[in-house]
Amino acid sequence: MTDAPQPLAPGIAMAFQGIQAAFTKEHPLFSELAPKPLRVGRGEIAVRVTPSERFLDGDTIHPGLMTILLDTIMGMATWSDLETFQPLATINLQTDTYTHAKPGENIVCEAICEGIMDDVSIVRGKATSEDGTLLATAAGTFMVGTRSAQVSRI
């Protein structure tokens, strides 16, 4: 990921405000995790979340949470690369988990949109602990311009 992200298109910057409000108000997972943006730029995003014991699977955070977080952050990286807001749908997502997070541990989720061709975005992401330990990586593709009642409400 680059150190100096390019600025967002003005319409996308406004859409991100709506997206953030919708996620924290209407999406129970994100209202509980309260993601903190660390970096948002053209085609890339990084956020910090701190999962509670509610997400435990045994003594560690359920790896499915990493999949949900990375899918969402990778979609947001696609949105940040667009000139105008359009709904998205995940076409393909592969997540590899390397180690498990602990409850109360800060997790940094980062994603970069590698490009958009023929209405399909190609995105890569990773989740690390704040000390840099790699928790999970993901690669995915997203269809740009899909119809979705849920996304259309944003």
N, C-alpha and C. Protein backbone atom coordinates (compact mmCIF):
# COMPACT_ATOMS: atom_id res chain seq x y z
N MET A 1 0.83 -1.16 0.00
CA MET A 1 0.00 0.00 0.00
C MET A 1 0.89 1.24 0.00
N THR A 2 0.45 2.25 -0.66
CA THR A 2 1.26 3.45 -0.77
C THR A 2 1.17 4.28 0.50
N ASP A 3 2.19 5.12 0.72
CA ASP A 3 2.20 5.97 1.90
C ASP A 3 1.32 7.20 1.72
N ALA A 4 1.14 7.66 0.50
CA ALA A 4 0.37 8.87 0.25
C ALA A 4 -0.78 8.56 -0.72
N PRO A 5 -1.94 8.17 -0.19
CA PRO A 5 -3.06 7.86 -1.07
C PRO A 5 -3.55 9.09 -1.82
N GLN A 6 -4.05 8.88 -3.02
CA GLN A 6 -4.60 9.96 -3.82
C GLN A 6 -5.96 10.35 -3.24
N PRO A 7 -6.37 11.62 -3.41
CA PRO A 7 -7.65 12.04 -2.85
C PRO A 7 -8.83 11.35 -3.55
N LEU A 8 -9.91 11.22 -2.80
CA LEU A 8 -11.13 10.64 -3.34
C LEU A 8 -11.82 11.63 -4.26
N ALA A 9 -12.57 11.11 -5.23
CA ALA A 9 -13.44 11.96 -6.03
C ALA A 9 -14.45 12.60 -5.08
N PRO A 10 -14.85 13.87 -5.29
CA PRO A 10 -15.75 14.54 -4.34
C PRO A 10 -17.05 13.76 -4.06
N GLY A 11 -17.66 13.21 -5.08
CA GLY A 11 -18.89 12.45 -4.89
C GLY A 11 -18.67 11.21 -4.04
N ILE A 12 -17.51 10.57 -4.21
CA ILE A 12 -17.19 9.38 -3.42
C ILE A 12 -16.93 9.77 -1.97
N ALA A 13 -16.27 10.90 -1.75
CA ALA A 13 -16.02 11.36 -0.39
C ALA A 13 -17.34 11.57 0.34
N MET A 14 -18.33 12.15 -0.33
CA MET A 14 -19.64 12.34 0.28
C MET A 14 -20.33 10.99 0.51
N ALA A 15 -20.19 10.08 -0.44
CA ALA A 15 -20.79 8.75 -0.30
C ALA A 15 -20.20 8.03 0.91
N PHE A 16 -18.90 8.18 1.15
CA PHE A 16 -18.27 7.52 2.28
C PHE A 16 -18.85 8.00 3.60
N GLN A 17 -19.22 9.26 3.68
CA GLN A 17 -19.86 9.75 4.90
C GLN A 17 -21.18 9.01 5.11
N GLY A 18 -21.95 8.84 4.05
CA GLY A 18 -23.21 8.10 4.14
C GLY A 18 -22.99 6.64 4.46
N ILE A 19 -21.98 6.05 3.84
CA ILE A 19 -21.66 4.63 4.09
C ILE A 19 -21.30 4.43 5.55
N GLN A 20 -20.44 5.30 6.07
CA GLN A 20 -20.02 5.17 7.47
C GLN A 20 -21.22 5.30 8.40
N ALA A 21 -22.09 6.26 8.13
CA ALA A 21 -23.28 6.43 8.97
C ALA A 21 -24.19 5.20 8.87
N ALA A 22 -24.38 4.68 7.67
CA ALA A 22 -25.25 3.52 7.48
C ALA A 22 -24.67 2.30 8.18
N PHE A 23 -23.37 2.07 8.04
CA PHE A 23 -22.76 0.90 8.67
C PHE A 23 -22.89 0.97 10.18
N THR A 24 -22.62 2.12 10.77
CA THR A 24 -22.65 2.20 12.22
C THR A 24 -24.08 2.24 12.76
N LYS A 25 -25.04 2.70 11.96
CA LYS A 25 -26.43 2.78 12.41
C LYS A 25 -27.21 1.51 12.11
N GLU A 26 -27.05 0.95 10.91
CA GLU A 26 -27.91 -0.13 10.45
C GLU A 26 -27.26 -1.51 10.45
N HIS A 27 -25.96 -1.58 10.55
CA HIS A 27 -25.28 -2.87 10.48
C HIS A 27 -24.80 -3.22 11.89
N PRO A 28 -25.44 -4.20 12.55
CA PRO A 28 -25.09 -4.51 13.94
C PRO A 28 -23.62 -4.85 14.15
N LEU A 29 -23.02 -5.56 13.20
CA LEU A 29 -21.61 -5.93 13.34
C LEU A 29 -20.74 -4.69 13.43
N PHE A 30 -20.95 -3.74 12.51
CA PHE A 30 -20.10 -2.57 12.48
C PHE A 30 -20.42 -1.57 13.57
N SER A 31 -21.66 -1.57 14.04
CA SER A 31 -21.95 -0.68 15.16
C SER A 31 -21.23 -1.17 16.42
N GLU A 32 -21.10 -2.48 16.57
CA GLU A 32 -20.38 -3.02 17.73
C GLU A 32 -18.86 -2.87 17.58
N LEU A 33 -18.33 -3.09 16.38
CA LEU A 33 -16.88 -3.01 16.18
C LEU A 33 -16.39 -1.57 16.09
N ALA A 34 -17.25 -0.64 15.70
CA ALA A 34 -16.92 0.78 15.58
C ALA A 34 -15.59 1.00 14.86
N PRO A 35 -15.52 0.67 13.55
CA PRO A 35 -14.26 0.83 12.82
C PRO A 35 -13.76 2.28 12.83
N LYS A 36 -12.47 2.42 13.03
CA LYS A 36 -11.83 3.74 13.01
C LYS A 36 -11.00 3.85 11.73
N PRO A 37 -11.32 4.79 10.86
CA PRO A 37 -10.52 4.94 9.64
C PRO A 37 -9.10 5.39 9.98
N LEU A 38 -8.14 4.71 9.40
CA LEU A 38 -6.73 5.09 9.54
C LEU A 38 -6.23 5.76 8.28
N ARG A 39 -6.73 5.29 7.14
CA ARG A 39 -6.31 5.84 5.84
C ARG A 39 -7.42 5.56 4.84
N VAL A 40 -7.84 6.59 4.12
CA VAL A 40 -8.81 6.42 3.04
C VAL A 40 -8.30 7.25 1.87
N GLY A 41 -8.06 6.61 0.77
CA GLY A 41 -7.60 7.29 -0.43
C GLY A 41 -8.13 6.60 -1.66
N ARG A 42 -7.78 7.11 -2.79
CA ARG A 42 -8.25 6.55 -4.05
C ARG A 42 -7.80 5.11 -4.17
N GLY A 43 -8.76 4.18 -4.10
CA GLY A 43 -8.47 2.76 -4.29
C GLY A 43 -7.87 2.06 -3.09
N GLU A 44 -7.84 2.70 -1.94
CA GLU A 44 -7.28 2.02 -0.77
C GLU A 44 -7.91 2.53 0.51
N ILE A 45 -7.94 1.65 1.49
CA ILE A 45 -8.53 1.99 2.79
C ILE A 45 -7.86 1.14 3.86
N ALA A 46 -7.75 1.72 5.04
CA ALA A 46 -7.27 0.99 6.22
C ALA A 46 -8.12 1.44 7.40
N VAL A 47 -8.59 0.47 8.18
CA VAL A 47 -9.38 0.76 9.37
C VAL A 47 -8.87 -0.08 10.53
N ARG A 48 -9.17 0.39 11.74
CA ARG A 48 -8.83 -0.37 12.95
C ARG A 48 -10.12 -0.76 13.65
N VAL A 49 -10.21 -2.01 14.05
CA VAL A 49 -11.34 -2.50 14.83
C VAL A 49 -10.79 -3.24 16.06
N THR A 50 -11.63 -3.34 17.08
CA THR A 50 -11.25 -4.05 18.30
C THR A 50 -12.38 -5.00 18.67
N PRO A 51 -12.30 -6.25 18.22
CA PRO A 51 -13.37 -7.20 18.53
C PRO A 51 -13.43 -7.55 20.02
N SER A 52 -14.62 -7.67 20.51
CA SER A 52 -14.83 -8.02 21.91
C SER A 52 -14.95 -9.54 22.07
N GLU A 53 -15.16 -9.97 23.30
CA GLU A 53 -15.32 -11.39 23.59
C GLU A 53 -16.56 -11.97 22.92
N ARG A 54 -17.45 -11.13 22.48
CA ARG A 54 -18.66 -11.59 21.78
C ARG A 54 -18.33 -12.38 20.51
N PHE A 55 -17.16 -12.14 19.94
CA PHE A 55 -16.77 -12.80 18.70
C PHE A 55 -15.85 -14.01 18.94
N LEU A 56 -15.82 -14.50 20.15
CA LEU A 56 -14.94 -15.61 20.49
C LEU A 56 -15.38 -16.93 19.85
N ASP A 57 -14.38 -17.70 19.49
CA ASP A 57 -14.53 -19.09 19.08
C ASP A 57 -13.50 -19.84 19.92
N GLY A 58 -13.89 -20.28 21.08
CA GLY A 58 -12.91 -20.82 22.02
C GLY A 58 -12.25 -19.65 22.73
N ASP A 59 -10.90 -19.59 22.65
CA ASP A 59 -10.15 -18.51 23.30
C ASP A 59 -9.77 -17.38 22.36
N THR A 60 -10.06 -17.53 21.07
CA THR A 60 -9.64 -16.52 20.09
C THR A 60 -10.85 -16.04 19.28
N ILE A 61 -10.63 -15.00 18.51
CA ILE A 61 -11.69 -14.43 17.67
C ILE A 61 -11.97 -15.38 16.51
N HIS A 62 -13.24 -15.61 16.24
CA HIS A 62 -13.65 -16.51 15.16
C HIS A 62 -13.06 -16.03 13.83
N PRO A 63 -12.44 -16.93 13.06
CA PRO A 63 -11.82 -16.51 11.79
C PRO A 63 -12.84 -15.99 10.77
N GLY A 64 -14.10 -16.35 10.92
CA GLY A 64 -15.12 -15.83 10.02
C GLY A 64 -15.25 -14.32 10.10
N LEU A 65 -14.93 -13.76 11.27
CA LEU A 65 -14.97 -12.30 11.40
C LEU A 65 -13.97 -11.65 10.46
N MET A 66 -12.78 -12.26 10.30
CA MET A 66 -11.78 -11.72 9.38
C MET A 66 -12.33 -11.71 7.94
N THR A 67 -13.04 -12.77 7.57
CA THR A 67 -13.61 -12.85 6.23
C THR A 67 -14.62 -11.73 6.02
N ILE A 68 -15.51 -11.53 6.98
CA ILE A 68 -16.52 -10.47 6.86
C ILE A 68 -15.86 -9.10 6.80
N LEU A 69 -14.89 -8.86 7.68
CA LEU A 69 -14.20 -7.57 7.70
C LEU A 69 -13.47 -7.31 6.39
N LEU A 70 -12.73 -8.30 5.92
CA LEU A 70 -11.96 -8.10 4.69
C LEU A 70 -12.87 -7.93 3.49
N ASP A 71 -13.95 -8.68 3.40
CA ASP A 71 -14.91 -8.52 2.31
C ASP A 71 -15.44 -7.08 2.29
N THR A 72 -15.82 -6.58 3.44
CA THR A 72 -16.39 -5.23 3.53
C THR A 72 -15.35 -4.17 3.20
N ILE A 73 -14.16 -4.29 3.77
CA ILE A 73 -13.11 -3.29 3.53
C ILE A 73 -12.67 -3.32 2.07
N MET A 74 -12.62 -4.51 1.47
CA MET A 74 -12.23 -4.62 0.06
C MET A 74 -13.30 -3.98 -0.84
N GLY A 75 -14.57 -4.15 -0.48
CA GLY A 75 -15.63 -3.46 -1.22
C GLY A 75 -15.49 -1.96 -1.11
N MET A 76 -15.15 -1.49 0.09
CA MET A 76 -14.96 -0.05 0.28
C MET A 76 -13.76 0.47 -0.52
N ALA A 77 -12.72 -0.34 -0.66
CA ALA A 77 -11.58 0.07 -1.48
C ALA A 77 -12.01 0.23 -2.94
N THR A 78 -12.90 -0.66 -3.40
CA THR A 78 -13.44 -0.52 -4.75
C THR A 78 -14.23 0.78 -4.86
N TRP A 79 -15.14 1.03 -3.90
CA TRP A 79 -15.91 2.27 -3.94
C TRP A 79 -15.00 3.48 -4.00
N SER A 80 -13.91 3.45 -3.24
CA SER A 80 -13.03 4.62 -3.20
C SER A 80 -12.27 4.83 -4.50
N ASP A 81 -12.27 3.84 -5.38
CA ASP A 81 -11.59 3.97 -6.67
C ASP A 81 -12.52 4.46 -7.78
N LEU A 82 -13.81 4.56 -7.49
CA LEU A 82 -14.79 4.96 -8.50
C LEU A 82 -14.91 6.48 -8.60
N GLU A 83 -15.40 6.94 -9.74
CA GLU A 83 -15.70 8.37 -9.91
C GLU A 83 -17.06 8.72 -9.34
N THR A 84 -18.02 7.80 -9.46
CA THR A 84 -19.36 8.00 -8.91
C THR A 84 -19.75 6.74 -8.16
N PHE A 85 -20.58 6.91 -7.15
CA PHE A 85 -21.01 5.78 -6.33
C PHE A 85 -21.86 4.82 -7.15
N GLN A 86 -21.55 3.52 -7.04
CA GLN A 86 -22.32 2.46 -7.67
C GLN A 86 -22.39 1.29 -6.71
N PRO A 87 -23.51 0.55 -6.72
CA PRO A 87 -23.57 -0.63 -5.86
C PRO A 87 -22.59 -1.70 -6.31
N LEU A 88 -22.21 -2.57 -5.36
CA LEU A 88 -21.25 -3.64 -5.62
C LEU A 88 -21.83 -4.98 -5.17
N ALA A 89 -21.28 -6.04 -5.71
CA ALA A 89 -21.57 -7.39 -5.24
C ALA A 89 -20.27 -8.19 -5.29
N THR A 90 -20.02 -8.95 -4.25
CA THR A 90 -18.84 -9.81 -4.23
C THR A 90 -19.05 -10.95 -5.21
N ILE A 91 -18.10 -11.12 -6.14
CA ILE A 91 -18.16 -12.23 -7.09
C ILE A 91 -17.39 -13.42 -6.52
N ASN A 92 -16.19 -13.13 -6.05
CA ASN A 92 -15.30 -14.20 -5.56
C ASN A 92 -14.48 -13.63 -4.41
N LEU A 93 -14.29 -14.44 -3.38
CA LEU A 93 -13.50 -14.01 -2.24
C LEU A 93 -12.76 -15.22 -1.69
N GLN A 94 -11.45 -15.09 -1.57
CA GLN A 94 -10.64 -16.14 -0.95
C GLN A 94 -9.93 -15.52 0.23
N THR A 95 -10.13 -16.11 1.39
CA THR A 95 -9.50 -15.62 2.62
C THR A 95 -8.62 -16.73 3.18
N ASP A 96 -7.41 -16.38 3.54
CA ASP A 96 -6.50 -17.31 4.20
C ASP A 96 -6.20 -16.76 5.59
N THR A 97 -6.44 -17.57 6.60
CA THR A 97 -6.18 -17.18 7.99
C THR A 97 -4.86 -17.81 8.43
N TYR A 98 -4.00 -16.99 9.04
CA TYR A 98 -2.68 -17.45 9.46
C TYR A 98 -2.60 -17.65 10.97
N THR A 99 -3.19 -16.76 11.71
CA THR A 99 -3.26 -16.89 13.16
C THR A 99 -4.51 -16.17 13.63
N HIS A 100 -4.91 -16.41 14.86
CA HIS A 100 -6.16 -15.86 15.36
C HIS A 100 -5.93 -14.65 16.25
N ALA A 101 -6.83 -13.69 16.13
CA ALA A 101 -6.78 -12.51 17.00
C ALA A 101 -7.35 -12.87 18.37
N LYS A 102 -6.98 -12.07 19.34
CA LYS A 102 -7.48 -12.24 20.70
C LYS A 102 -8.50 -11.15 20.99
N PRO A 103 -9.47 -11.40 21.85
CA PRO A 103 -10.45 -10.37 22.17
C PRO A 103 -9.76 -9.15 22.78
N GLY A 104 -10.22 -7.97 22.40
CA GLY A 104 -9.64 -6.72 22.88
C GLY A 104 -8.41 -6.29 22.11
N GLU A 105 -7.90 -7.13 21.21
CA GLU A 105 -6.72 -6.80 20.41
C GLU A 105 -7.12 -5.92 19.24
N ASN A 106 -6.40 -4.84 19.01
CA ASN A 106 -6.66 -4.00 17.84
C ASN A 106 -6.24 -4.73 16.58
N ILE A 107 -7.12 -4.69 15.59
CA ILE A 107 -6.86 -5.31 14.29
C ILE A 107 -6.89 -4.22 13.23
N VAL A 108 -5.88 -4.20 12.38
CA VAL A 108 -5.83 -3.26 11.27
C VAL A 108 -6.17 -4.03 10.00
N CYS A 109 -7.24 -3.60 9.34
CA CYS A 109 -7.66 -4.20 8.07
C CYS A 109 -7.36 -3.20 6.95
N GLU A 110 -6.63 -3.67 5.95
CA GLU A 110 -6.25 -2.83 4.82
C GLU A 110 -6.67 -3.49 3.52
N ALA A 111 -7.03 -2.66 2.54
CA ALA A 111 -7.38 -3.19 1.23
C ALA A 111 -6.95 -2.20 0.16
N ILE A 112 -6.60 -2.75 -0.99
CA ILE A 112 -6.25 -1.93 -2.14
C ILE A 112 -6.93 -2.51 -3.38
N CYS A 113 -7.55 -1.63 -4.13
CA CYS A 113 -8.18 -2.02 -5.39
C CYS A 113 -7.10 -1.98 -6.46
N GLU A 114 -6.76 -3.13 -6.99
CA GLU A 114 -5.71 -3.23 -8.00
C GLU A 114 -6.13 -2.65 -9.34
N GLY A 115 -7.45 -2.65 -9.61
CA GLY A 115 -7.95 -2.10 -10.84
C GLY A 115 -9.38 -2.54 -11.10
N ILE A 116 -10.01 -1.85 -12.03
CA ILE A 116 -11.38 -2.17 -12.43
C ILE A 116 -11.39 -2.31 -13.94
N MET A 117 -11.81 -3.50 -14.40
CA MET A 117 -11.87 -3.78 -15.84
C MET A 117 -13.22 -4.41 -16.14
N ASP A 118 -13.91 -3.88 -17.15
CA ASP A 118 -15.20 -4.44 -17.57
C ASP A 118 -16.14 -4.62 -16.39
N ASP A 119 -16.26 -3.61 -15.54
CA ASP A 119 -17.16 -3.60 -14.38
C ASP A 119 -16.83 -4.66 -13.33
N VAL A 120 -15.59 -5.12 -13.30
CA VAL A 120 -15.14 -6.05 -12.27
C VAL A 120 -13.89 -5.46 -11.62
N SER A 121 -13.95 -5.33 -10.28
CA SER A 121 -12.76 -4.84 -9.57
C SER A 121 -11.97 -6.01 -9.02
N ILE A 122 -10.69 -5.83 -8.97
CA ILE A 122 -9.76 -6.83 -8.43
C ILE A 122 -9.13 -6.20 -7.20
N VAL A 123 -9.30 -6.86 -6.05
CA VAL A 123 -8.91 -6.26 -4.78
C VAL A 123 -8.13 -7.25 -3.93
N ARG A 124 -7.17 -6.73 -3.17
CA ARG A 124 -6.41 -7.53 -2.22
C ARG A 124 -6.52 -6.87 -0.84
N GLY A 125 -6.48 -7.68 0.20
CA GLY A 125 -6.57 -7.14 1.53
C GLY A 125 -5.79 -7.97 2.53
N LYS A 126 -5.59 -7.39 3.70
CA LYS A 126 -4.94 -8.13 4.77
C LYS A 126 -5.41 -7.58 6.10
N ALA A 127 -5.33 -8.43 7.11
CA ALA A 127 -5.63 -8.05 8.49
C ALA A 127 -4.41 -8.39 9.32
N THR A 128 -3.98 -7.43 10.12
CA THR A 128 -2.82 -7.62 11.00
C THR A 128 -3.18 -7.13 12.39
N SER A 129 -2.45 -7.65 13.37
CA SER A 129 -2.55 -7.07 14.71
C SER A 129 -1.75 -5.77 14.66
N GLU A 130 -1.95 -4.91 15.64
CA GLU A 130 -1.23 -3.63 15.61
C GLU A 130 0.27 -3.79 15.71
N ASP A 131 0.74 -4.93 16.21
CA ASP A 131 2.19 -5.15 16.26
C ASP A 131 2.73 -5.67 14.92
N GLY A 132 1.83 -5.83 13.92
CA GLY A 132 2.25 -6.25 12.59
C GLY A 132 2.10 -7.73 12.31
N THR A 133 1.64 -8.52 13.28
CA THR A 133 1.45 -9.95 13.06
C THR A 133 0.35 -10.17 12.02
N LEU A 134 0.66 -10.91 10.98
CA LEU A 134 -0.31 -11.18 9.92
C LEU A 134 -1.36 -12.15 10.43
N LEU A 135 -2.63 -11.72 10.38
CA LEU A 135 -3.74 -12.56 10.82
C LEU A 135 -4.41 -13.25 9.64
N ALA A 136 -4.64 -12.50 8.55
CA ALA A 136 -5.34 -13.06 7.39
C ALA A 136 -5.05 -12.22 6.16
N THR A 137 -5.14 -12.86 5.01
CA THR A 137 -5.06 -12.16 3.73
C THR A 137 -6.29 -12.54 2.92
N ALA A 138 -6.61 -11.72 1.93
CA ALA A 138 -7.76 -12.00 1.08
C ALA A 138 -7.51 -11.46 -0.32
N ALA A 139 -8.12 -12.12 -1.28
CA ALA A 139 -8.14 -11.66 -2.67
C ALA A 139 -9.58 -11.81 -3.14
N GLY A 140 -10.06 -10.82 -3.86
CA GLY A 140 -11.45 -10.90 -4.29
C GLY A 140 -11.72 -10.11 -5.54
N THR A 141 -12.87 -10.40 -6.11
CA THR A 141 -13.39 -9.64 -7.24
C THR A 141 -14.80 -9.19 -6.90
N PHE A 142 -15.15 -8.01 -7.39
CA PHE A 142 -16.45 -7.41 -7.12
C PHE A 142 -17.07 -6.92 -8.42
N MET A 143 -18.35 -7.17 -8.62
CA MET A 143 -19.08 -6.64 -9.76
C MET A 143 -19.50 -5.22 -9.42
N VAL A 144 -19.18 -4.29 -10.30
CA VAL A 144 -19.51 -2.88 -10.11
C VAL A 144 -20.79 -2.57 -10.86
N GLY A 145 -21.72 -1.87 -10.21
CA GLY A 145 -22.94 -1.44 -10.87
C GLY A 145 -24.09 -2.43 -10.76
N THR A 146 -24.08 -3.26 -9.74
CA THR A 146 -25.16 -4.24 -9.55
C THR A 146 -26.37 -3.56 -8.93
N ARG A 147 -27.49 -4.23 -9.01
CA ARG A 147 -28.70 -3.73 -8.34
C ARG A 147 -28.78 -4.42 -6.98
N SER A 148 -28.95 -3.61 -5.95
CA SER A 148 -29.08 -4.16 -4.61
C SER A 148 -29.96 -3.23 -3.78
N ALA A 149 -31.05 -3.73 -3.27
CA ALA A 149 -31.95 -2.91 -2.46
C ALA A 149 -31.24 -2.40 -1.23
N GLN A 150 -30.41 -3.25 -0.61
CA GLN A 150 -29.74 -2.83 0.62
C GLN A 150 -28.74 -1.71 0.35
N VAL A 151 -27.90 -1.85 -0.70
CA VAL A 151 -26.91 -0.83 -1.01
C VAL A 151 -27.58 0.43 -1.53
N SER A 152 -28.69 0.31 -2.25
CA SER A 152 -29.36 1.47 -2.81
C SER A 152 -29.92 2.39 -1.73
N ARG A 153 -30.13 1.87 -0.52
CA ARG A 153 -30.64 2.70 0.56
C ARG A 153 -29.59 3.67 1.08
N ILE A 154 -28.32 3.38 0.87
CA ILE A 154 -27.23 4.21 1.44
C ILE A 154 -27.22 5.56 0.78
